[in-house]
Amino acid sequence: MKLELTAEEAKVLHEVLAGRLGDYSAEIAATDNPSFRRQLRERRDVVHRVQLQLEPYVTAP
């Protein structure tokens, strides 16, 4: 799948994903259910991979 974003859209999406990563960390730490914790970690990893793909476009001059 390809998604075309403007520089501003990429920056905003990157910021939103960064905030969500923090939310996942807190939620993972707070859950006692191992299965749910594993699901949260998997989702966090997906969000992180997408965020990393945006890095070149956000940090470019």
N, C-alpha and C. Protein backbone atom coordinates (compact mmCIF):
# COMPACT_ATOMS: atom_id res chain seq x y z
N MET A 1 0.84 -1.17 0.00
CA MET A 1 0.00 0.00 0.00
C MET A 1 0.89 1.24 0.00
N LYS A 2 0.49 2.22 -0.74
CA LYS A 2 1.21 3.50 -0.77
C LYS A 2 0.27 4.58 -0.27
N LEU A 3 0.84 5.50 0.48
CA LEU A 3 0.10 6.62 1.02
C LEU A 3 0.94 7.86 0.78
N GLU A 4 0.37 8.83 0.12
CA GLU A 4 1.09 10.07 -0.14
C GLU A 4 0.63 11.13 0.85
N LEU A 5 1.61 11.75 1.50
CA LEU A 5 1.34 12.78 2.49
C LEU A 5 2.14 14.03 2.17
N THR A 6 1.61 15.17 2.53
CA THR A 6 2.39 16.39 2.45
C THR A 6 3.40 16.37 3.60
N ALA A 7 4.37 17.26 3.55
CA ALA A 7 5.35 17.34 4.63
C ALA A 7 4.67 17.63 5.96
N GLU A 8 3.69 18.51 5.95
CA GLU A 8 2.96 18.85 7.17
C GLU A 8 2.17 17.65 7.70
N GLU A 9 1.53 16.92 6.81
CA GLU A 9 0.77 15.73 7.22
C GLU A 9 1.69 14.67 7.82
N ALA A 10 2.86 14.48 7.21
CA ALA A 10 3.82 13.51 7.73
C ALA A 10 4.30 13.92 9.12
N LYS A 11 4.54 15.19 9.30
CA LYS A 11 4.99 15.69 10.60
C LYS A 11 3.93 15.47 11.66
N VAL A 12 2.69 15.81 11.35
CA VAL A 12 1.60 15.65 12.31
C VAL A 12 1.37 14.18 12.63
N LEU A 13 1.37 13.33 11.61
CA LEU A 13 1.19 11.90 11.84
C LEU A 13 2.31 11.35 12.70
N HIS A 14 3.52 11.77 12.45
CA HIS A 14 4.67 11.34 13.25
C HIS A 14 4.47 11.73 14.72
N GLU A 15 4.01 12.94 14.96
CA GLU A 15 3.77 13.41 16.33
C GLU A 15 2.65 12.62 17.00
N VAL A 16 1.59 12.36 16.27
CA VAL A 16 0.47 11.58 16.82
C VAL A 16 0.94 10.17 17.19
N LEU A 17 1.71 9.56 16.31
CA LEU A 17 2.21 8.22 16.59
C LEU A 17 3.15 8.21 17.79
N ALA A 18 3.97 9.23 17.92
CA ALA A 18 4.88 9.32 19.07
C ALA A 18 4.08 9.38 20.36
N GLY A 19 3.01 10.16 20.36
CA GLY A 19 2.16 10.25 21.54
C GLY A 19 1.49 8.92 21.85
N ARG A 20 1.07 8.23 20.83
CA ARG A 20 0.40 6.93 21.02
C ARG A 20 1.38 5.91 21.56
N LEU A 21 2.64 5.99 21.15
CA LEU A 21 3.64 5.06 21.68
C LEU A 21 3.77 5.20 23.19
N GLY A 22 3.75 6.43 23.67
CA GLY A 22 3.79 6.67 25.11
C GLY A 22 2.57 6.10 25.81
N ASP A 23 1.42 6.25 25.18
CA ASP A 23 0.19 5.69 25.74
C ASP A 23 0.29 4.18 25.86
N TYR A 24 0.82 3.54 24.82
CA TYR A 24 0.96 2.09 24.85
C TYR A 24 1.88 1.66 25.99
N SER A 25 2.97 2.36 26.19
CA SER A 25 3.91 1.99 27.25
C SER A 25 3.23 2.01 28.61
N ALA A 26 2.46 3.05 28.87
CA ALA A 26 1.75 3.14 30.15
C ALA A 26 0.70 2.04 30.27
N GLU A 27 -0.01 1.77 29.20
CA GLU A 27 -1.05 0.75 29.21
C GLU A 27 -0.45 -0.64 29.40
N ILE A 28 0.67 -0.91 28.75
CA ILE A 28 1.34 -2.20 28.89
C ILE A 28 1.78 -2.40 30.34
N ALA A 29 2.34 -1.37 30.93
CA ALA A 29 2.81 -1.47 32.31
C ALA A 29 1.65 -1.69 33.29
N ALA A 30 0.48 -1.19 32.95
CA ALA A 30 -0.66 -1.24 33.88
C ALA A 30 -1.48 -2.52 33.77
N THR A 31 -1.32 -3.28 32.71
CA THR A 31 -2.17 -4.47 32.54
C THR A 31 -1.56 -5.70 33.19
N ASP A 32 -2.44 -6.52 33.76
CA ASP A 32 -2.00 -7.76 34.40
C ASP A 32 -2.25 -8.98 33.52
N ASN A 33 -3.00 -8.80 32.45
CA ASN A 33 -3.39 -9.90 31.58
C ASN A 33 -2.28 -10.14 30.54
N PRO A 34 -1.59 -11.28 30.62
CA PRO A 34 -0.47 -11.54 29.70
C PRO A 34 -0.87 -11.51 28.22
N SER A 35 -2.04 -12.04 27.90
CA SER A 35 -2.48 -12.05 26.51
C SER A 35 -2.73 -10.63 26.00
N PHE A 36 -3.39 -9.83 26.81
CA PHE A 36 -3.66 -8.44 26.44
C PHE A 36 -2.36 -7.66 26.34
N ARG A 37 -1.43 -7.92 27.26
CA ARG A 37 -0.13 -7.25 27.23
C ARG A 37 0.60 -7.57 25.93
N ARG A 38 0.55 -8.83 25.50
CA ARG A 38 1.19 -9.24 24.25
C ARG A 38 0.56 -8.52 23.06
N GLN A 39 -0.78 -8.41 23.04
CA GLN A 39 -1.47 -7.70 21.97
C GLN A 39 -1.05 -6.23 21.93
N LEU A 40 -0.97 -5.63 23.10
CA LEU A 40 -0.56 -4.22 23.17
C LEU A 40 0.87 -4.04 22.65
N ARG A 41 1.74 -4.95 23.01
CA ARG A 41 3.13 -4.86 22.53
C ARG A 41 3.20 -5.00 21.02
N GLU A 42 2.40 -5.91 20.47
CA GLU A 42 2.39 -6.08 19.02
C GLU A 42 1.90 -4.82 18.32
N ARG A 43 0.84 -4.21 18.86
CA ARG A 43 0.32 -2.97 18.28
C ARG A 43 1.34 -1.85 18.41
N ARG A 44 1.98 -1.77 19.58
CA ARG A 44 3.01 -0.74 19.79
C ARG A 44 4.13 -0.90 18.77
N ASP A 45 4.52 -2.13 18.49
CA ASP A 45 5.59 -2.38 17.52
C ASP A 45 5.18 -1.95 16.12
N VAL A 46 3.93 -2.18 15.74
CA VAL A 46 3.43 -1.75 14.43
C VAL A 46 3.46 -0.23 14.34
N VAL A 47 2.96 0.43 15.38
CA VAL A 47 2.95 1.90 15.40
C VAL A 47 4.37 2.43 15.30
N HIS A 48 5.29 1.80 16.01
CA HIS A 48 6.69 2.24 15.98
C HIS A 48 7.29 2.07 14.59
N ARG A 49 6.99 0.96 13.92
CA ARG A 49 7.51 0.75 12.56
C ARG A 49 7.00 1.82 11.59
N VAL A 50 5.73 2.17 11.71
CA VAL A 50 5.18 3.22 10.84
C VAL A 50 5.86 4.55 11.15
N GLN A 51 6.04 4.83 12.44
CA GLN A 51 6.71 6.07 12.83
C GLN A 51 8.12 6.13 12.25
N LEU A 52 8.83 5.02 12.30
CA LEU A 52 10.20 4.99 11.75
C LEU A 52 10.21 5.24 10.25
N GLN A 53 9.19 4.78 9.55
CA GLN A 53 9.12 5.02 8.11
C GLN A 53 8.92 6.50 7.80
N LEU A 54 8.34 7.23 8.73
CA LEU A 54 8.11 8.67 8.53
C LEU A 54 9.35 9.51 8.86
N GLU A 55 10.28 8.96 9.62
CA GLU A 55 11.45 9.71 10.08
C GLU A 55 12.17 10.48 8.97
N PRO A 56 12.49 9.85 7.84
CA PRO A 56 13.24 10.59 6.81
C PRO A 56 12.50 11.83 6.30
N TYR A 57 11.19 11.79 6.32
CA TYR A 57 10.40 12.90 5.79
C TYR A 57 10.20 14.00 6.83
N VAL A 58 10.30 13.62 8.09
CA VAL A 58 10.10 14.60 9.16
C VAL A 58 11.41 15.32 9.47
N THR A 59 12.52 14.61 9.36
CA THR A 59 13.82 15.19 9.71
C THR A 59 14.55 15.80 8.52
N ALA A 60 13.99 15.65 7.33
CA ALA A 60 14.63 16.22 6.14
C ALA A 60 14.59 17.74 6.19
N PRO A 61 15.65 18.40 5.70
CA PRO A 61 15.68 19.87 5.73
C PRO A 61 14.68 20.51 4.79
